[in-house]
Protein backbone atom coordinates (compact mmCIF):
# COMPACT_ATOMS: atom_id res chain seq x y z
CA MET A 1 121.73 92.64 -67.14
CA GLY A 2 121.06 89.00 -67.95
CA PHE A 3 123.19 86.76 -70.00
CA ASP A 4 122.82 86.94 -73.73
CA ASN A 5 124.69 84.77 -75.93
CA LYS A 6 125.01 87.34 -78.56
CA ASP A 7 126.37 89.70 -75.84
CA SER A 8 129.78 91.01 -77.23
CA ARG A 9 131.09 90.87 -73.69
CA PHE A 10 131.16 86.97 -73.86
CA GLU A 11 132.74 86.93 -77.58
CA SER A 12 135.26 84.19 -77.63
CA VAL A 13 138.05 85.43 -80.25
CA TYR A 14 140.40 82.48 -79.78
CA SER A 15 139.94 79.06 -78.29
CA GLN A 16 142.03 75.85 -77.38
CA LYS A 17 140.36 72.57 -76.29
CA VAL A 18 142.51 70.16 -74.24
CA LYS A 19 140.85 66.47 -73.78
CA ALA A 20 142.02 64.85 -70.52
CA GLY A 21 140.71 61.43 -70.46
CA LYS A 22 137.25 60.37 -70.87
CA ARG A 23 135.48 62.73 -68.39
CA ARG A 24 137.56 65.86 -68.44
CA THR A 25 137.93 68.70 -70.93
CA TYR A 26 139.76 71.97 -70.42
CA PHE A 27 138.75 74.99 -72.66
CA PHE A 28 141.11 78.04 -73.05
CA ASP A 29 139.31 80.92 -74.41
CA VAL A 30 140.32 84.33 -75.00
CA ARG A 31 137.39 86.76 -74.67
CA LYS A 32 136.70 90.38 -75.54
CA THR A 33 135.30 93.09 -73.21
CA LYS A 34 132.90 95.91 -74.06
CA GLY A 35 135.96 98.18 -73.64
CA ALA A 36 137.90 96.13 -76.19
CA ASP A 37 140.27 94.52 -73.64
CA TYR A 38 140.88 90.87 -73.41
CA TYR A 39 140.88 88.15 -70.70
CA VAL A 40 141.26 84.35 -70.52
CA THR A 41 138.75 81.70 -69.23
CA ILE A 42 139.94 78.39 -68.44
CA THR A 43 137.20 75.93 -68.06
CA GLU A 44 137.37 72.61 -66.69
CA SER A 45 134.33 70.60 -67.76
CA THR A 46 133.78 67.12 -66.05
CA ARG A 47 131.34 64.54 -67.51
CA ARG A 48 129.03 62.85 -64.79
CA PHE A 49 128.07 59.65 -66.31
CA GLU A 50 125.35 58.92 -63.73
CA ASP A 51 122.79 61.56 -65.07
CA ASP A 52 124.89 62.50 -68.55
CA SER A 53 125.40 66.24 -67.33
CA TYR A 54 128.46 68.21 -66.96
CA SER A 55 130.19 70.08 -63.99
CA ARG A 56 131.93 73.15 -65.02
CA HIS A 57 134.46 75.23 -63.01
CA LYS A 58 135.78 78.47 -64.51
CA ILE A 59 138.93 80.58 -63.93
CA PHE A 60 138.90 84.28 -65.10
CA LEU A 61 142.49 85.41 -65.89
CA TYR A 62 143.14 89.02 -66.41
CA LYS A 63 146.05 90.58 -68.30
CA GLU A 64 147.63 92.02 -65.16
CA ASP A 65 148.09 88.47 -63.95
CA PHE A 66 149.22 86.71 -67.08
CA ASN A 67 153.07 86.83 -66.18
CA ARG A 68 152.70 85.72 -62.64
CA PHE A 69 149.98 83.00 -63.39
CA VAL A 70 152.19 81.47 -66.17
CA GLU A 71 155.27 81.69 -64.01
CA SER A 72 153.76 80.09 -60.98
CA LEU A 73 151.97 77.35 -63.25
CA VAL A 74 155.34 76.34 -64.75
CA ASP A 75 157.08 76.46 -61.55
CA VAL A 76 154.46 74.00 -59.89
CA VAL A 77 154.56 71.80 -62.70
CA ASP A 78 158.23 71.79 -63.04
CA HIS A 79 158.55 70.99 -59.19
CA ILE A 80 156.12 67.85 -59.60
CA LYS A 81 158.28 66.72 -62.81
CA THR A 82 161.65 67.09 -61.40
CA ASP A 83 161.30 66.84 -57.61
CA LEU A 84 158.33 64.80 -56.78
CA LEU A 85 157.66 62.25 -59.79
CA PRO A 86 161.14 62.58 -61.82
CA ASP A 87 160.84 58.97 -63.25
CA TYR A 88 157.22 59.22 -64.29
CA ASP A 89 156.68 59.15 -68.07
CA TYR A 90 154.67 62.38 -68.70
CA ASP A 91 154.57 61.73 -72.62
CA GLU A 92 152.42 58.45 -72.01
CA PHE A 93 149.10 60.53 -71.85
CA THR A 94 150.25 62.51 -74.93
CA ARG A 95 150.74 59.35 -76.78
CA ARG A 96 147.54 57.70 -75.69
CA HIS A 97 145.62 60.86 -76.74
CA GLU A 98 147.28 60.83 -80.05
CA GLU A 99 146.35 57.15 -80.46
CA ARG A 100 142.67 57.79 -79.50
CA GLU A 101 142.43 60.71 -81.70
CA LYS A 102 143.65 58.57 -84.47
CA GLU A 103 141.22 55.72 -83.69
CA TYR A 104 138.30 58.29 -83.44
CA GLU A 105 139.41 59.79 -86.99
CA GLU A 106 139.44 56.44 -88.53
CA SER A 107 136.13 55.23 -87.08
CA ASN A 108 134.55 58.42 -88.33
CA ASN A 109 136.17 58.16 -91.79
CA ASN A 110 134.79 54.58 -91.92
CA TYR A 111 131.58 55.61 -90.82
CA ASN A 112 131.29 58.41 -93.40
CA ASN A 113 132.55 56.02 -96.14
CA THR A 114 129.75 53.38 -95.10
CA ASN A 115 127.25 56.22 -95.26
CA THR A 116 128.30 57.38 -98.52
CA GLU A 117 128.34 53.96 -99.84
CA ASP A 118 124.79 53.28 -98.62
CA ILE A 119 123.48 56.55 -100.09
CA GLU A 120 124.90 55.84 -103.40
CA ALA A 121 123.66 52.36 -103.45
CA GLU A 122 120.07 53.85 -102.54
CA VAL A 123 120.29 56.46 -105.22
CA ILE A 124 121.15 53.83 -107.73
CA ASP A 125 118.40 51.52 -106.45
CA SER A 126 115.77 54.54 -106.52
CA SER A 127 116.67 55.35 -110.10
CA GLU A 128 115.66 52.03 -111.36
CA ALA A 129 112.15 52.13 -109.51
CA PRO A 130 109.30 53.93 -111.50
CA GLU A 131 108.62 57.38 -110.31
CA GLU A 132 105.42 57.77 -108.38
CA SER A 133 105.07 61.26 -109.24
CA LYS A 134 104.13 60.27 -112.91
CA LEU A 135 101.52 58.11 -112.04
CA VAL A 136 98.12 59.94 -112.89
CA GLU A 137 94.42 59.44 -112.39
CA ASP A 138 91.23 61.03 -113.52
CA ASP A 139 89.61 63.21 -111.08
CA GLU A 140 85.68 63.99 -111.04
CA ASP A 141 85.96 66.70 -113.63
CA GLY A 142 87.60 64.42 -116.03
CA GLU A 143 91.00 66.05 -115.74
CA VAL A 144 94.02 64.29 -115.26
CA GLY A 145 95.89 65.23 -112.13
CA GLU A 146 98.98 63.96 -110.36
CA TRP A 147 99.00 61.82 -107.22
């Protein structure tokens, strides 16, 4: 059976996105199977700037593996944080991300406000102009019609 976006096997019922720098994004999706079971897909999406495309790698995680997966992930991350790089500031990237998100939201708000002001100015300007649809001419039969 081919891939169909409307196929319920691929239905995402919950999703989280983690931006990781300029090039990488991680997606954590809970998906539902035909048999009303659930599993997790973890997708790493990396942007390739040279051809403006994306490379994707996906992990399927099933319920019978949840506990061991999470325990092992926490274990290896803790090992790096406590034993290998204990002096590293792991919150640095969280702060940077929050700053970038704030800048992004502010730039979007400025863009939206500018566009709204431009649109309002156009509406005011166009209300002062004569309406072209009200201009009329006589056609061949002597009847008056709209342009």
